[in-house]
């Protein structure tokens, strides 16, 4: 009985862990270069550009995990081609650390051109940031 119970608990934990690590076509990551640490609990909005009427439409809003990551912004099962924008709402993070920041938010615009995985991380400090296409 103990063996069966242990097996069930272990299976549940393994499945829960896999579900939390699910990766979509688009992921992001925030690192604070002044502390060398990931930035947790930052709200990030994903918007898609509509060229026909020159507007952006909200696709999803998520928060970074304690690892500073969001792994599942877009499903791999969809056609996600297009121009997107990630808006990182960083002001609250700096304010919670008693740091004044020059940027209340950071926007990164990029284009998804195929079905490959896109990783769009940022590194930041109170007075600067950088981004690149990761893997």
C-alpha atoms as a PDB file:
ATOM      1  CA  UNK A   1       0.000   0.000   0.000  1.00  0.00           C
ATOM      2  CA  UNK A   2       2.818   2.413   0.882  1.00  0.00           C
ATOM      3  CA  UNK A   3       4.518   1.608  -2.424  1.00  0.00           C
ATOM      4  CA  UNK A   4       1.355   2.384  -4.379  1.00  0.00           C
ATOM      5  CA  UNK A   5       0.790   5.614  -2.473  1.00  0.00           C
ATOM      6  CA  UNK A   6       4.434   6.659  -2.988  1.00  0.00           C
ATOM      7  CA  UNK A   7       4.152   5.880  -6.726  1.00  0.00           C
ATOM      8  CA  UNK A   8       0.985   7.951  -7.057  1.00  0.00           C
ATOM      9  CA  UNK A   9       2.484  10.924  -5.216  1.00  0.00           C
ATOM     10  CA  UNK A  10       5.714  10.721  -7.257  1.00  0.00           C
ATOM     11  CA  UNK A  11       3.729  10.542 -10.528  1.00  0.00           C
ATOM     12  CA  UNK A  12       1.608  13.544  -9.540  1.00  0.00           C
ATOM     13  CA  UNK A  13       4.678  15.614  -8.633  1.00  0.00           C
ATOM     14  CA  UNK A  14       6.397  14.663 -11.904  1.00  0.00           C
ATOM     15  CA  UNK A  15       3.349  15.583 -13.999  1.00  0.00           C
ATOM     16  CA  UNK A  16       2.898  18.862 -12.128  1.00  0.00           C
ATOM     17  CA  UNK A  17       6.541  19.697 -12.694  1.00  0.00           C
ATOM     18  CA  UNK A  18       6.276  18.977 -16.417  1.00  0.00           C
ATOM     19  CA  UNK A  19       3.128  21.071 -16.719  1.00  0.00           C
ATOM     20  CA  UNK A  20       4.841  24.037 -15.077  1.00  0.00           C
ATOM     21  CA  UNK A  21       7.784  23.758 -17.480  1.00  0.00           C
ATOM     22  CA  UNK A  22       5.609  23.606 -20.614  1.00  0.00           C
ATOM     23  CA  UNK A  23       7.220  25.655 -23.316  1.00  0.00           C
ATOM     24  CA  UNK A  24       5.346  27.459 -26.041  1.00  0.00           C
ATOM     25  CA  UNK A  25       6.627  29.038 -29.230  1.00  0.00           C
ATOM     26  CA  UNK A  26       7.506  32.272 -27.411  1.00  0.00           C
ATOM     27  CA  UNK A  27       9.337  32.658 -24.115  1.00  0.00           C
ATOM     28  CA  UNK A  28      11.046  35.491 -22.273  1.00  0.00           C
ATOM     29  CA  UNK A  29      13.362  36.027 -19.337  1.00  0.00           C
ATOM     30  CA  UNK A  30      14.350  39.093 -17.280  1.00  0.00           C
ATOM     31  CA  UNK A  31      17.738  39.431 -15.581  1.00  0.00           C
ATOM     32  CA  UNK A  32      18.783  42.399 -13.443  1.00  0.00           C
ATOM     33  CA  UNK A  33      22.418  43.042 -14.367  1.00  0.00           C
ATOM     34  CA  UNK A  34      22.982  45.241 -11.315  1.00  0.00           C
ATOM     35  CA  UNK A  35      22.273  42.302  -8.981  1.00  0.00           C
ATOM     36  CA  UNK A  36      22.951  39.381 -11.310  1.00  0.00           C
ATOM     37  CA  UNK A  37      19.563  37.940 -10.356  1.00  0.00           C
ATOM     38  CA  UNK A  38      16.407  36.955 -12.230  1.00  0.00           C
ATOM     39  CA  UNK A  39      13.501  39.377 -11.888  1.00  0.00           C
ATOM     40  CA  UNK A  40      10.360  37.666 -10.551  1.00  0.00           C
ATOM     41  CA  UNK A  41       6.746  38.811 -10.491  1.00  0.00           C
ATOM     42  CA  UNK A  42       6.942  41.359 -13.333  1.00  0.00           C
ATOM     43  CA  UNK A  43       3.817  41.754 -15.443  1.00  0.00           C
ATOM     44  CA  UNK A  44       4.514  41.252 -19.140  1.00  0.00           C
ATOM     45  CA  UNK A  45       1.965  41.938 -21.864  1.00  0.00           C
ATOM     46  CA  UNK A  46       2.121  40.365 -25.308  1.00  0.00           C
ATOM     47  CA  UNK A  47       0.454  42.285 -28.132  1.00  0.00           C
ATOM     48  CA  UNK A  48       0.120  41.482 -31.847  1.00  0.00           C
ATOM     49  CA  UNK A  49       0.241  44.119 -34.569  1.00  0.00           C
ATOM     50  CA  UNK A  50      -2.643  44.444 -37.034  1.00  0.00           C
ATOM     51  CA  UNK A  51      -1.240  46.102 -40.172  1.00  0.00           C
ATOM     52  CA  UNK A  52      -4.681  46.575 -41.763  1.00  0.00           C
ATOM     53  CA  UNK A  53      -5.753  49.173 -39.213  1.00  0.00           C
ATOM     54  CA  UNK A  54      -2.350  50.003 -37.676  1.00  0.00           C
ATOM     55  CA  UNK A  55      -3.305  48.851 -34.167  1.00  0.00           C
ATOM     56  CA  UNK A  56      -2.016  46.492 -31.482  1.00  0.00           C
ATOM     57  CA  UNK A  57      -4.249  43.916 -29.831  1.00  0.00           C
ATOM     58  CA  UNK A  58      -3.598  42.251 -26.485  1.00  0.00           C
ATOM     59  CA  UNK A  59      -2.837  38.525 -26.781  1.00  0.00           C
ATOM     60  CA  UNK A  60      -1.897  37.675 -23.179  1.00  0.00           C
ATOM     61  CA  UNK A  61      -0.728  39.089 -19.863  1.00  0.00           C
ATOM     62  CA  UNK A  62       1.494  37.000 -17.591  1.00  0.00           C
ATOM     63  CA  UNK A  63       3.930  37.435 -14.697  1.00  0.00           C
ATOM     64  CA  UNK A  64       7.509  36.231 -14.540  1.00  0.00           C
ATOM     65  CA  UNK A  65       8.193  33.277 -12.263  1.00  0.00           C
ATOM     66  CA  UNK A  66      10.808  33.325  -9.498  1.00  0.00           C
ATOM     67  CA  UNK A  67      13.248  32.272 -12.229  1.00  0.00           C
ATOM     68  CA  UNK A  68      12.430  35.501 -14.096  1.00  0.00           C
ATOM     69  CA  UNK A  69      10.932  33.442 -16.928  1.00  0.00           C
ATOM     70  CA  UNK A  70       7.699  33.086 -18.823  1.00  0.00           C
ATOM     71  CA  UNK A  71       7.866  29.948 -20.970  1.00  0.00           C
ATOM     72  CA  UNK A  72       4.480  29.673 -22.621  1.00  0.00           C
ATOM     73  CA  UNK A  73       3.296  32.878 -24.269  1.00  0.00           C
ATOM     74  CA  UNK A  74       2.155  31.325 -27.570  1.00  0.00           C
ATOM     75  CA  UNK A  75       0.983  27.787 -28.241  1.00  0.00           C
ATOM     76  CA  UNK A  76       3.099  25.730 -30.643  1.00  0.00           C
ATOM     77  CA  UNK A  77      -0.150  24.426 -32.176  1.00  0.00           C
ATOM     78  CA  UNK A  78      -1.193  27.798 -33.662  1.00  0.00           C
ATOM     79  CA  UNK A  79      -0.109  29.856 -36.642  1.00  0.00           C
ATOM     80  CA  UNK A  80       1.681  32.669 -34.825  1.00  0.00           C
ATOM     81  CA  UNK A  81       3.303  34.487 -37.746  1.00  0.00           C
ATOM     82  CA  UNK A  82       3.339  38.259 -37.371  1.00  0.00           C
ATOM     83  CA  UNK A  83       4.742  41.262 -35.562  1.00  0.00           C
ATOM     84  CA  UNK A  84       4.534  41.231 -31.769  1.00  0.00           C
ATOM     85  CA  UNK A  85       5.411  43.468 -28.859  1.00  0.00           C
ATOM     86  CA  UNK A  86       6.370  42.470 -25.322  1.00  0.00           C
ATOM     87  CA  UNK A  87       5.760  45.174 -22.720  1.00  0.00           C
ATOM     88  CA  UNK A  88       7.687  44.567 -19.501  1.00  0.00           C
ATOM     89  CA  UNK A  89       6.168  46.599 -16.641  1.00  0.00           C
ATOM     90  CA  UNK A  90       9.396  47.086 -14.683  1.00  0.00           C
ATOM     91  CA  UNK A  91       8.572  50.153 -12.577  1.00  0.00           C
ATOM     92  CA  UNK A  92       6.994  48.156  -9.722  1.00  0.00           C
ATOM     93  CA  UNK A  93      10.056  45.880  -9.531  1.00  0.00           C
ATOM     94  CA  UNK A  94      12.443  48.796  -9.064  1.00  0.00           C
ATOM     95  CA  UNK A  95      10.078  50.607  -6.699  1.00  0.00           C
ATOM     96  CA  UNK A  96       9.821  47.493  -4.489  1.00  0.00           C
ATOM     97  CA  UNK A  97      13.623  47.594  -4.195  1.00  0.00           C
ATOM     98  CA  UNK A  98      13.678  51.346  -3.401  1.00  0.00           C
ATOM     99  CA  UNK A  99      15.340  52.131  -6.724  1.00  0.00           C
ATOM    100  CA  UNK A 100      14.308  54.937  -9.059  1.00  0.00           C
ATOM    101  CA  UNK A 101      14.151  53.760 -12.649  1.00  0.00           C
ATOM    102  CA  UNK A 102      14.326  55.819 -15.808  1.00  0.00           C
ATOM    103  CA  UNK A 103      12.037  53.361 -17.644  1.00  0.00           C
ATOM    104  CA  UNK A 104       8.535  52.730 -16.248  1.00  0.00           C
ATOM    105  CA  UNK A 105       8.210  49.934 -18.805  1.00  0.00           C
ATOM    106  CA  UNK A 106      10.227  48.410 -21.631  1.00  0.00           C
ATOM    107  CA  UNK A 107       8.782  47.487 -25.025  1.00  0.00           C
ATOM    108  CA  UNK A 108      10.433  45.052 -27.409  1.00  0.00           C
ATOM    109  CA  UNK A 109       8.988  44.687 -30.911  1.00  0.00           C
ATOM    110  CA  UNK A 110       9.919  41.615 -32.983  1.00  0.00           C
ATOM    111  CA  UNK A 111       8.641  39.465 -35.838  1.00  0.00           C
ATOM    112  CA  UNK A 112       7.803  35.759 -35.797  1.00  0.00           C
ATOM    113  CA  UNK A 113       8.520  34.451 -39.286  1.00  0.00           C
ATOM    114  CA  UNK A 114       8.279  30.674 -38.865  1.00  0.00           C
ATOM    115  CA  UNK A 115       7.250  27.901 -36.470  1.00  0.00           C
ATOM    116  CA  UNK A 116      10.579  27.794 -34.603  1.00  0.00           C
ATOM    117  CA  UNK A 117      10.879  28.686 -30.930  1.00  0.00           C
ATOM    118  CA  UNK A 118      11.496  32.378 -30.173  1.00  0.00           C
ATOM    119  CA  UNK A 119      13.131  33.432 -26.901  1.00  0.00           C
ATOM    120  CA  UNK A 120      13.175  37.206 -26.294  1.00  0.00           C
ATOM    121  CA  UNK A 121      15.011  37.979 -23.035  1.00  0.00           C
ATOM    122  CA  UNK A 122      15.982  41.324 -21.560  1.00  0.00           C
ATOM    123  CA  UNK A 123      18.774  42.314 -19.242  1.00  0.00           C
ATOM    124  CA  UNK A 124      18.140  45.491 -17.316  1.00  0.00           C
ATOM    125  CA  UNK A 125      19.262  47.970 -14.733  1.00  0.00           C
ATOM    126  CA  UNK A 126      17.589  51.142 -13.475  1.00  0.00           C
ATOM    127  CA  UNK A 127      18.999  53.220 -16.350  1.00  0.00           C
ATOM    128  CA  UNK A 128      19.419  50.803 -19.218  1.00  0.00           C
ATOM    129  CA  UNK A 129      18.351  47.586 -20.846  1.00  0.00           C
ATOM    130  CA  UNK A 130      19.336  45.252 -23.651  1.00  0.00           C
ATOM    131  CA  UNK A 131      17.579  42.533 -25.605  1.00  0.00           C
ATOM    132  CA  UNK A 132      18.461  39.874 -28.146  1.00  0.00           C
ATOM    133  CA  UNK A 133      16.998  36.785 -29.751  1.00  0.00           C
ATOM    134  CA  UNK A 134      17.941  33.910 -27.520  1.00  0.00           C
ATOM    135  CA  UNK A 135      17.521  30.199 -28.074  1.00  0.00           C
END
